[in-house]
Amino acid sequence: MFFYTYVLQSKKDDQKYIGLSSNLKQRLEEHKQGKSLATKFRLPFELIYFEACLNKTDAKRREKYLKTTQGRRFLGLRLIEYKRTRAFGSER
């Protein structure tokens, strides 16, 4: 069983939400339906990043890290890198 740490970005205000779940697909559906109090007022959301961990402890540790300033920088750099490689990949 995997545990997922994930990042959503609101299309309404560009704010990010960082969470964890053992069932990512179901959890994303709950967010989409407005069942999460933390995100229901910032719908719609887009999944912009996720990681799979082998146990809940590691997923919680990763979620906590991504919520720090250093973790947010890491996410920013990963997303920039992803967008750059995606743009160049389409030209090949």
Protein backbone atom coordinates (compact mmCIF):
# COMPACT_ATOMS: atom_id res chain seq x y z
CA MET A 1 0.00 0.00 0.00
CA PHE A 2 1.24 3.45 -0.89
CA PHE A 3 0.65 6.76 0.84
CA TYR A 4 0.62 9.85 -1.35
CA THR A 5 1.75 13.37 -0.60
CA TYR A 6 0.13 15.70 -3.10
CA VAL A 7 -0.08 19.37 -4.07
CA LEU A 8 -3.15 21.03 -5.53
CA GLN A 9 -3.20 24.51 -7.03
CA SER A 10 -6.37 26.57 -7.07
CA LYS A 11 -7.33 27.86 -10.50
CA LYS A 12 -9.28 30.58 -8.68
CA ASP A 13 -6.47 32.23 -6.70
CA ASP A 14 -3.29 30.19 -7.50
CA GLN A 15 -2.94 29.15 -3.83
CA LYS A 16 -1.52 25.70 -3.15
CA TYR A 17 -2.88 22.99 -0.87
CA ILE A 18 -0.57 20.22 0.37
CA GLY A 19 -2.02 17.01 1.75
CA LEU A 20 -1.61 13.26 2.05
CA SER A 21 -3.83 10.26 1.43
CA SER A 22 -3.70 6.51 1.07
CA ASN A 23 -6.18 6.74 -1.83
CA LEU A 24 -5.16 9.65 -4.04
CA LYS A 25 -7.88 9.18 -6.65
CA GLN A 26 -10.65 9.18 -4.05
CA ARG A 27 -9.17 12.13 -2.19
CA LEU A 28 -8.94 14.20 -5.38
CA GLU A 29 -12.59 13.44 -6.08
CA GLU A 30 -13.50 14.64 -2.57
CA HIS A 31 -11.65 17.91 -3.20
CA LYS A 32 -13.35 18.27 -6.59
CA GLN A 33 -16.80 17.79 -5.00
CA GLY A 34 -16.09 20.41 -2.31
CA LYS A 35 -16.11 17.89 0.55
CA SER A 36 -12.91 19.31 2.05
CA LEU A 37 -13.50 22.37 4.22
CA ALA A 38 -9.92 23.54 3.64
CA THR A 39 -10.33 23.75 -0.13
CA LYS A 40 -14.04 24.05 -0.97
CA PHE A 41 -13.95 27.87 -1.29
CA ARG A 42 -11.02 27.84 -3.73
CA LEU A 43 -12.39 25.42 -6.35
CA PRO A 44 -11.52 24.36 -8.98
CA PHE A 45 -8.16 22.71 -8.29
CA GLU A 46 -5.50 21.09 -10.41
CA LEU A 47 -3.16 18.35 -9.21
CA ILE A 48 0.31 19.77 -9.87
CA TYR A 49 2.56 17.35 -7.96
CA PHE A 50 2.48 14.09 -6.02
CA GLU A 51 4.87 11.57 -4.51
CA ALA A 52 4.26 7.99 -3.41
CA CYS A 53 5.70 6.74 -0.11
CA LEU A 54 5.82 3.20 1.25
CA ASN A 55 4.50 4.14 4.67
CA LYS A 56 2.41 6.83 6.35
CA THR A 57 5.27 8.14 8.48
CA ASP A 58 7.35 8.99 5.40
CA ALA A 59 4.34 10.61 3.69
CA LYS A 60 3.65 12.78 6.77
CA ARG A 61 7.30 13.76 6.98
CA ARG A 62 7.28 14.72 3.29
CA GLU A 63 4.02 16.69 3.67
CA LYS A 64 5.51 18.60 6.60
CA TYR A 65 8.67 19.37 4.58
CA LEU A 66 6.71 20.62 1.55
CA LYS A 67 4.86 23.05 3.81
CA THR A 68 8.13 24.69 4.89
CA THR A 69 9.78 27.56 3.03
CA GLN A 70 12.50 25.24 1.77
CA GLY A 71 9.90 22.71 0.62
CA ARG A 72 7.96 25.37 -1.27
CA ARG A 73 11.19 26.40 -3.02
CA PHE A 74 11.77 22.76 -3.95
CA LEU A 75 8.27 22.57 -5.43
CA GLY A 76 8.77 25.79 -7.35
CA LEU A 77 12.01 24.55 -8.89
CA ARG A 78 10.47 21.17 -9.77
CA LEU A 79 7.53 22.83 -11.49
CA ILE A 80 9.79 25.19 -13.44
CA GLU A 81 11.92 22.22 -14.52
CA TYR A 82 8.82 20.25 -15.52
CA LYS A 83 7.41 23.10 -17.60
CA ARG A 84 10.78 23.63 -19.30
CA THR A 85 11.26 19.97 -20.23
CA ARG A 86 7.66 19.71 -21.40
CA ALA A 87 8.11 22.73 -23.66
CA PHE A 88 11.37 21.40 -25.13
CA GLY A 89 10.01 17.85 -25.38
CA SER A 90 7.26 18.98 -27.71
CA GLU A 91 9.80 20.34 -30.21
CA ARG A 92 11.77 17.09 -30.58
